[in-house]
Amino acid sequence: MNSKDDQLKVFITNRESTCDECGENLGHRAWITLQGEKGAACLTCADLDHLVFLPSGDAALTRRSRKYSKLSAVVLRWSKPRKRYERQGLLVESEALEQAEEECKGDAKQREMRRINSAIRRDELDKVYIKQFSARIRELYPNCPPKREFKIAEHACRKYSGRVGRSSAAKALDAEAARLAVMAHIRHVETNYDDLLAGMHERSEARMMVRDAVAEILNNWQ
């Protein structure tokens, strides 16, 4: 299997394009390959027009289609908001896709059951983690309002949030991670910080304006 860097790539353009080999105007959102100094080539000139497109989304189907296809290409498109190329799917041989589809049908139930069990297990682990993190908050800030530690932990540890509760330090129940989570809660819930942001204050300025109030409440909760 090809490594990520040496995979054949096809790009969906965001502007009018012309094939540098046959000279055909490919229009907007053309599918092209880049061939160094030779420039852009349409799929016909690149000998890829016999392949079929498999959109991203089904990992098992994608993996198996690539496995059975002697020739495949990753399809990419530039994302302006994220300023990077994002994968749209694969071009694969039609026979390979058909073989992969049949194989996926054969074990669809088993794969779905594994997916469900994994999701349940992740959910159970997260519940245990949130319970542990809330207990750590209560230990460090025994005077915080009743049951507030659970609210803080649930917010800080929300999946895919990028919040402090998802950090490795927090998962080790580090005191500093707990402090940051509690401070964030105080800032948003116990002060007028959100009102200041809504009033178009810069974040740094708004934090400075509520800094003393946050510190006082944090101290009272200890």
C-alpha atoms as a PDB file:
ATOM      1  CA  MET A   1       0.000   0.000   0.000  1.00  0.00           C
ATOM      2  CA  ASN A   2       1.257   3.444  -0.839  1.00  0.00           C
ATOM      3  CA  SER A   3       2.326   5.804   1.912  1.00  0.00           C
ATOM      4  CA  LYS A   4       0.433   9.037   2.390  1.00  0.00           C
ATOM      5  CA  ASP A   5       3.064  11.074   0.551  1.00  0.00           C
ATOM      6  CA  ASP A   6       3.409   8.926  -2.569  1.00  0.00           C
ATOM      7  CA  GLN A   7      -0.295   8.376  -3.216  1.00  0.00           C
ATOM      8  CA  LEU A   8      -1.576   9.507  -6.580  1.00  0.00           C
ATOM      9  CA  LYS A   9      -3.558  12.705  -6.081  1.00  0.00           C
ATOM     10  CA  VAL A  10      -6.433  14.282  -7.980  1.00  0.00           C
ATOM     11  CA  PHE A  11      -7.455  17.851  -7.210  1.00  0.00           C
ATOM     12  CA  ILE A  12     -10.871  19.469  -7.570  1.00  0.00           C
ATOM     13  CA  THR A  13     -10.132  23.031  -8.631  1.00  0.00           C
ATOM     14  CA  ASN A  14     -11.818  26.152  -7.307  1.00  0.00           C
ATOM     15  CA  ARG A  15     -11.343  28.126 -10.522  1.00  0.00           C
ATOM     16  CA  GLU A  16     -11.464  27.791 -14.293  1.00  0.00           C
ATOM     17  CA  SER A  17      -8.872  25.275 -15.446  1.00  0.00           C
ATOM     18  CA  THR A  18      -7.365  24.098 -18.720  1.00  0.00           C
ATOM     19  CA  CYS A  19      -5.624  20.807 -19.431  1.00  0.00           C
ATOM     20  CA  ASP A  20      -2.023  21.576 -20.373  1.00  0.00           C
ATOM     21  CA  GLU A  21      -1.814  18.399 -22.487  1.00  0.00           C
ATOM     22  CA  CYS A  22      -4.941  18.441 -24.649  1.00  0.00           C
ATOM     23  CA  GLY A  23      -5.738  22.135 -24.249  1.00  0.00           C
ATOM     24  CA  GLU A  24      -9.378  21.499 -23.312  1.00  0.00           C
ATOM     25  CA  ASN A  25     -11.111  24.072 -21.132  1.00  0.00           C
ATOM     26  CA  LEU A  26     -12.198  22.046 -18.105  1.00  0.00           C
ATOM     27  CA  GLY A  27     -14.315  24.758 -16.519  1.00  0.00           C
ATOM     28  CA  HIS A  28     -14.865  25.421 -12.824  1.00  0.00           C
ATOM     29  CA  ARG A  29     -14.307  22.640 -10.265  1.00  0.00           C
ATOM     30  CA  ALA A  30     -12.422  20.498 -12.724  1.00  0.00           C
ATOM     31  CA  TRP A  31     -10.759  17.245 -11.689  1.00  0.00           C
ATOM     32  CA  ILE A  32      -7.074  17.417 -12.536  1.00  0.00           C
ATOM     33  CA  THR A  33      -3.699  15.934 -11.720  1.00  0.00           C
ATOM     34  CA  LEU A  34      -0.540  18.015 -11.352  1.00  0.00           C
ATOM     35  CA  GLN A  35       2.469  16.784 -13.296  1.00  0.00           C
ATOM     36  CA  GLY A  36       5.301  19.066 -12.256  1.00  0.00           C
ATOM     37  CA  GLU A  37       6.643  21.184 -15.111  1.00  0.00           C
ATOM     38  CA  LYS A  38       4.083  19.653 -17.481  1.00  0.00           C
ATOM     39  CA  GLY A  39       1.342  21.435 -15.552  1.00  0.00           C
ATOM     40  CA  ALA A  40      -2.228  20.213 -15.066  1.00  0.00           C
ATOM     41  CA  ALA A  41      -3.785  17.269 -16.850  1.00  0.00           C
ATOM     42  CA  CYS A  42      -7.405  16.207 -17.109  1.00  0.00           C
ATOM     43  CA  LEU A  43      -8.299  12.693 -15.991  1.00  0.00           C
ATOM     44  CA  THR A  44      -8.447  11.479 -19.581  1.00  0.00           C
ATOM     45  CA  CYS A  45      -4.901  12.638 -20.365  1.00  0.00           C
ATOM     46  CA  ALA A  46      -3.745  11.275 -17.008  1.00  0.00           C
ATOM     47  CA  ASP A  47      -5.285   7.881 -17.864  1.00  0.00           C
ATOM     48  CA  LEU A  48      -7.498   7.999 -14.770  1.00  0.00           C
ATOM     49  CA  ASP A  49     -10.879   8.475 -16.433  1.00  0.00           C
ATOM     50  CA  HIS A  50     -11.721   4.776 -16.118  1.00  0.00           C
ATOM     51  CA  LEU A  51     -11.776   5.023 -12.327  1.00  0.00           C
ATOM     52  CA  VAL A  52     -14.959   5.606 -10.317  1.00  0.00           C
ATOM     53  CA  PHE A  53     -15.363   7.996  -7.406  1.00  0.00           C
ATOM     54  CA  LEU A  54     -15.898   6.663  -3.888  1.00  0.00           C
ATOM     55  CA  PRO A  55     -16.787   9.508  -1.461  1.00  0.00           C
ATOM     56  CA  SER A  56     -15.264   9.568   2.021  1.00  0.00           C
ATOM     57  CA  GLY A  57     -17.370   8.350   4.903  1.00  0.00           C
ATOM     58  CA  ASP A  58     -17.235   4.569   4.972  1.00  0.00           C
ATOM     59  CA  ALA A  59     -13.830   3.570   6.317  1.00  0.00           C
ATOM     60  CA  ALA A  60     -14.237  -0.168   5.703  1.00  0.00           C
ATOM     61  CA  LEU A  61     -15.432   0.296   2.124  1.00  0.00           C
ATOM     62  CA  THR A  62     -12.620   2.749   1.412  1.00  0.00           C
ATOM     63  CA  ARG A  63      -9.967   0.481   2.889  1.00  0.00           C
ATOM     64  CA  ARG A  64     -11.147  -2.564   0.987  1.00  0.00           C
ATOM     65  CA  SER A  65     -11.632  -0.710  -2.302  1.00  0.00           C
ATOM     66  CA  ARG A  66      -8.068   0.552  -2.148  1.00  0.00           C
ATOM     67  CA  LYS A  67      -6.825  -2.922  -1.282  1.00  0.00           C
ATOM     68  CA  TYR A  68      -8.430  -4.482  -4.364  1.00  0.00           C
ATOM     69  CA  SER A  69      -7.790  -1.641  -6.798  1.00  0.00           C
ATOM     70  CA  LYS A  70      -4.465  -1.859  -8.624  1.00  0.00           C
ATOM     71  CA  LEU A  71      -4.728   1.855  -9.370  1.00  0.00           C
ATOM     72  CA  SER A  72      -6.276   4.427  -7.054  1.00  0.00           C
ATOM     73  CA  ALA A  73      -6.044   8.156  -6.410  1.00  0.00           C
ATOM     74  CA  VAL A  74      -6.905  10.372  -3.455  1.00  0.00           C
ATOM     75  CA  VAL A  75      -9.313  13.189  -4.344  1.00  0.00           C
ATOM     76  CA  LEU A  76      -8.584  16.509  -2.631  1.00  0.00           C
ATOM     77  CA  ARG A  77     -10.176  19.939  -2.613  1.00  0.00           C
ATOM     78  CA  TRP A  78      -8.863  23.206  -1.161  1.00  0.00           C
ATOM     79  CA  SER A  79     -10.821  24.527   1.828  1.00  0.00           C
ATOM     80  CA  LYS A  80     -10.644  28.310   2.048  1.00  0.00           C
ATOM     81  CA  PRO A  81     -11.862  28.524   5.682  1.00  0.00           C
ATOM     82  CA  ARG A  82      -9.317  25.943   6.887  1.00  0.00           C
ATOM     83  CA  LYS A  83      -6.577  26.905   4.414  1.00  0.00           C
ATOM     84  CA  ARG A  84      -5.695  23.311   3.558  1.00  0.00           C
ATOM     85  CA  TYR A  85      -6.529  20.515   1.163  1.00  0.00           C
ATOM     86  CA  GLU A  86      -9.224  18.205   2.473  1.00  0.00           C
ATOM     87  CA  ARG A  87      -9.860  14.660   1.373  1.00  0.00           C
ATOM     88  CA  GLN A  88     -13.084  14.105  -0.565  1.00  0.00           C
ATOM     89  CA  GLY A  89     -12.711  10.415  -1.329  1.00  0.00           C
ATOM     90  CA  LEU A  90     -10.956   7.971  -3.656  1.00  0.00           C
ATOM     91  CA  LEU A  91     -10.902   7.123  -7.329  1.00  0.00           C
ATOM     92  CA  VAL A  92     -10.796   3.340  -7.656  1.00  0.00           C
ATOM     93  CA  GLU A  93     -11.411   0.646 -10.262  1.00  0.00           C
ATOM     94  CA  SER A  94     -15.100  -0.231 -10.556  1.00  0.00           C
ATOM     95  CA  GLU A  95     -14.412  -3.955 -10.122  1.00  0.00           C
ATOM     96  CA  ALA A  96     -12.532  -3.258  -6.900  1.00  0.00           C
ATOM     97  CA  LEU A  97     -15.405  -1.163  -5.561  1.00  0.00           C
ATOM     98  CA  GLU A  98     -17.917  -3.912  -6.401  1.00  0.00           C
ATOM     99  CA  GLN A  99     -15.773  -6.532  -4.655  1.00  0.00           C
ATOM    100  CA  ALA A 100     -15.391  -4.287  -1.616  1.00  0.00           C
ATOM    101  CA  GLU A 101     -19.140  -3.613  -1.466  1.00  0.00           C
ATOM    102  CA  GLU A 102     -19.906  -7.329  -1.490  1.00  0.00           C
ATOM    103  CA  GLU A 103     -17.363  -7.978   1.238  1.00  0.00           C
ATOM    104  CA  CYS A 104     -18.761  -5.156   3.391  1.00  0.00           C
ATOM    105  CA  LYS A 105     -22.292  -6.521   3.037  1.00  0.00           C
ATOM    106  CA  GLY A 106     -21.076  -9.859   4.373  1.00  0.00           C
ATOM    107  CA  ASP A 107     -19.850  -8.543   7.705  1.00  0.00           C
ATOM    108  CA  ALA A 108     -21.934  -5.369   8.079  1.00  0.00           C
ATOM    109  CA  LYS A 109     -23.712  -6.620  11.208  1.00  0.00           C
ATOM    110  CA  GLN A 110     -20.475  -7.576  12.941  1.00  0.00           C
ATOM    111  CA  ARG A 111     -18.872  -4.215  12.149  1.00  0.00           C
ATOM    112  CA  GLU A 112     -21.944  -2.330  13.359  1.00  0.00           C
ATOM    113  CA  MET A 113     -21.949  -4.292  16.614  1.00  0.00           C
ATOM    114  CA  ARG A 114     -18.262  -3.514  17.170  1.00  0.00           C
ATOM    115  CA  ARG A 115     -18.946   0.158  16.506  1.00  0.00           C
ATOM    116  CA  ILE A 116     -21.834   0.235  18.998  1.00  0.00           C
ATOM    117  CA  ASN A 117     -19.844  -1.592  21.677  1.00  0.00           C
ATOM    118  CA  SER A 118     -16.905   0.768  21.218  1.00  0.00           C
ATOM    119  CA  ALA A 119     -19.186   3.798  21.519  1.00  0.00           C
ATOM    120  CA  ILE A 120     -20.759   2.404  24.715  1.00  0.00           C
ATOM    121  CA  ARG A 121     -17.327   1.717  26.176  1.00  0.00           C
ATOM    122  CA  ARG A 122     -16.090   5.240  25.361  1.00  0.00           C
ATOM    123  CA  ASP A 123     -19.207   6.713  26.939  1.00  0.00           C
ATOM    124  CA  GLU A 124     -18.737   4.627  30.080  1.00  0.00           C
ATOM    125  CA  LEU A 125     -15.103   5.659  30.335  1.00  0.00           C
ATOM    126  CA  ASP A 126     -16.038   9.324  29.965  1.00  0.00           C
ATOM    127  CA  LYS A 127     -18.640   9.068  32.725  1.00  0.00           C
ATOM    128  CA  VAL A 128     -16.067   7.544  35.062  1.00  0.00           C
ATOM    129  CA  TYR A 129     -13.545  10.229  34.119  1.00  0.00           C
ATOM    130  CA  ILE A 130     -16.013  13.072  34.692  1.00  0.00           C
ATOM    131  CA  LYS A 131     -16.871  11.599  38.095  1.00  0.00           C
ATOM    132  CA  GLN A 132     -13.176  11.431  39.005  1.00  0.00           C
ATOM    133  CA  PHE A 133     -12.518  14.968  37.780  1.00  0.00           C
ATOM    134  CA  SER A 134     -15.500  16.373  39.703  1.00  0.00           C
ATOM    135  CA  ALA A 135     -14.302  14.606  42.854  1.00  0.00           C
ATOM    136  CA  ARG A 136     -10.897  16.203  42.388  1.00  0.00           C
ATOM    137  CA  ILE A 137     -12.516  19.639  42.078  1.00  0.00           C
ATOM    138  CA  ARG A 138     -14.512  19.079  45.285  1.00  0.00           C
ATOM    139  CA  GLU A 139     -11.332  17.963  47.048  1.00  0.00           C
ATOM    140  CA  LEU A 140      -9.432  21.107  46.012  1.00  0.00           C
ATOM    141  CA  TYR A 141     -12.367  23.537  46.340  1.00  0.00           C
ATOM    142  CA  PRO A 142     -14.484  22.145  49.209  1.00  0.00           C
ATOM    143  CA  ASN A 143     -16.418  25.408  49.617  1.00  0.00           C
ATOM    144  CA  CYS A 144     -17.741  25.628  46.074  1.00  0.00           C
ATOM    145  CA  PRO A 145     -21.576  25.524  45.897  1.00  0.00           C
ATOM    146  CA  PRO A 146     -23.188  22.067  46.252  1.00  0.00           C
ATOM    147  CA  LYS A 147     -23.061  19.905  43.097  1.00  0.00           C
ATOM    148  CA  ARG A 148     -21.279  22.676  41.214  1.00  0.00           C
ATOM    149  CA  GLU A 149     -18.245  20.407  40.745  1.00  0.00           C
ATOM    150  CA  PHE A 150     -20.289  18.136  38.464  1.00  0.00           C
ATOM    151  CA  LYS A 151     -21.359  21.051  36.280  1.00  0.00           C
ATOM    152  CA  ILE A 152     -17.759  22.256  36.012  1.00  0.00           C
ATOM    153  CA  ALA A 153     -16.435  18.783  35.200  1.00  0.00           C
ATOM    154  CA  GLU A 154     -19.090  18.042  32.587  1.00  0.00           C
ATOM    155  CA  HIS A 155     -18.391  21.318  30.825  1.00  0.00           C
ATOM    156  CA  ALA A 156     -14.600  21.054  31.003  1.00  0.00           C
ATOM    157  CA  CYS A 157     -14.498  17.405  29.909  1.00  0.00           C
ATOM    158  CA  ARG A 158     -16.921  17.609  27.007  1.00  0.00           C
ATOM    159  CA  LYS A 159     -15.769  15.413  24.121  1.00  0.00           C
ATOM    160  CA  TYR A 160     -13.969  17.018  21.175  1.00  0.00           C
ATOM    161  CA  SER A 161     -14.193  20.404  22.862  1.00  0.00           C
ATOM    162  CA  GLY A 162     -10.497  21.164  23.190  1.00  0.00           C
ATOM    163  CA  ARG A 163     -11.261  22.349  26.722  1.00  0.00           C
ATOM    164  CA  VAL A 164      -8.891  22.007  29.640  1.00  0.00           C
ATOM    165  CA  GLY A 165     -10.647  18.883  30.900  1.00  0.00           C
ATOM    166  CA  ARG A 166      -9.589  16.970  27.787  1.00  0.00           C
ATOM    167  CA  SER A 167      -5.872  17.619  28.370  1.00  0.00           C
ATOM    168  CA  SER A 168      -3.459  14.948  29.542  1.00  0.00           C
ATOM    169  CA  ALA A 169      -2.870  16.937  32.743  1.00  0.00           C
ATOM    170  CA  ALA A 170      -6.578  16.935  33.523  1.00  0.00           C
ATOM    171  CA  LYS A 171      -6.811  13.206  32.881  1.00  0.00           C
ATOM    172  CA  ALA A 172      -4.054  12.791  35.448  1.00  0.00           C
ATOM    173  CA  LEU A 173      -6.273  14.834  37.822  1.00  0.00           C
ATOM    174  CA  ASP A 174      -3.637  17.562  37.993  1.00  0.00           C
ATOM    175  CA  ALA A 175      -4.449  20.385  40.445  1.00  0.00           C
ATOM    176  CA  GLU A 176      -3.576  23.100  37.924  1.00  0.00           C
ATOM    177  CA  ALA A 177      -5.951  21.645  35.332  1.00  0.00           C
ATOM    178  CA  ALA A 178      -8.710  21.596  37.940  1.00  0.00           C
ATOM    179  CA  ARG A 179      -7.920  25.197  38.892  1.00  0.00           C
ATOM    180  CA  LEU A 180      -8.157  26.336  35.284  1.00  0.00           C
ATOM    181  CA  ALA A 181     -11.492  24.575  34.856  1.00  0.00           C
ATOM    182  CA  VAL A 182     -12.885  26.160  38.012  1.00  0.00           C
ATOM    183  CA  MET A 183     -11.596  29.599  37.005  1.00  0.00           C
ATOM    184  CA  ALA A 184     -13.227  29.302  33.592  1.00  0.00           C
ATOM    185  CA  HIS A 185     -16.530  28.391  35.232  1.00  0.00           C
ATOM    186  CA  ILE A 186     -16.331  31.298  37.674  1.00  0.00           C
ATOM    187  CA  ARG A 187     -15.459  33.696  34.888  1.00  0.00           C
ATOM    188  CA  HIS A 188     -18.480  32.744  32.792  1.00  0.00           C
ATOM    189  CA  VAL A 189     -21.048  32.018  35.529  1.00  0.00           C
ATOM    190  CA  GLU A 190     -20.140  34.210  38.494  1.00  0.00           C
ATOM    191  CA  THR A 191     -19.016  37.429  36.753  1.00  0.00           C
ATOM    192  CA  ASN A 192     -20.170  39.676  33.913  1.00  0.00           C
ATOM    193  CA  TYR A 193     -17.422  38.366  31.639  1.00  0.00           C
ATOM    194  CA  ASP A 194     -19.825  37.170  28.929  1.00  0.00           C
ATOM    195  CA  ASP A 195     -21.610  40.538  28.967  1.00  0.00           C
ATOM    196  CA  LEU A 196     -18.275  42.254  28.412  1.00  0.00           C
ATOM    197  CA  LEU A 197     -17.534  40.019  25.426  1.00  0.00           C
ATOM    198  CA  ALA A 198     -21.004  40.682  24.037  1.00  0.00           C
ATOM    199  CA  GLY A 199     -20.267  44.388  24.456  1.00  0.00           C
ATOM    200  CA  MET A 200     -17.350  44.006  22.016  1.00  0.00           C
ATOM    201  CA  HIS A 201     -14.576  44.163  24.620  1.00  0.00           C
ATOM    202  CA  GLU A 202     -11.390  42.358  23.627  1.00  0.00           C
ATOM    203  CA  ARG A 203     -11.002  39.031  25.402  1.00  0.00           C
ATOM    204  CA  SER A 204      -7.787  40.092  27.140  1.00  0.00           C
ATOM    205  CA  GLU A 205      -9.415  43.319  28.305  1.00  0.00           C
ATOM    206  CA  ALA A 206     -12.526  41.513  29.561  1.00  0.00           C
ATOM    207  CA  ARG A 207     -10.421  39.008  31.482  1.00  0.00           C
ATOM    208  CA  MET A 208      -8.469  41.805  33.093  1.00  0.00           C
ATOM    209  CA  MET A 209     -11.717  43.504  34.170  1.00  0.00           C
ATOM    210  CA  VAL A 210     -12.992  40.403  35.988  1.00  0.00           C
ATOM    211  CA  ARG A 211      -9.634  39.131  37.223  1.00  0.00           C
ATOM    212  CA  ASP A 212     -10.009  40.346  40.818  1.00  0.00           C
ATOM    213  CA  ALA A 213     -13.556  39.010  41.124  1.00  0.00           C
ATOM    214  CA  VAL A 214     -12.488  35.612  39.820  1.00  0.00           C
ATOM    215  CA  ALA A 215      -9.541  35.474  42.221  1.00  0.00           C
ATOM    216  CA  GLU A 216     -11.737  36.387  45.193  1.00  0.00           C
ATOM    217  CA  ILE A 217     -14.363  33.743  44.439  1.00  0.00           C
ATOM    218  CA  LEU A 218     -11.692  31.131  43.768  1.00  0.00           C
ATOM    219  CA  ASN A 219     -10.111  31.910  47.131  1.00  0.00           C
ATOM    220  CA  ASN A 220     -13.479  31.650  48.913  1.00  0.00           C
ATOM    221  CA  TRP A 221     -14.130  28.244  47.358  1.00  0.00           C
ATOM    222  CA  GLN A 222     -10.834  26.794  48.637  1.00  0.00           C
END
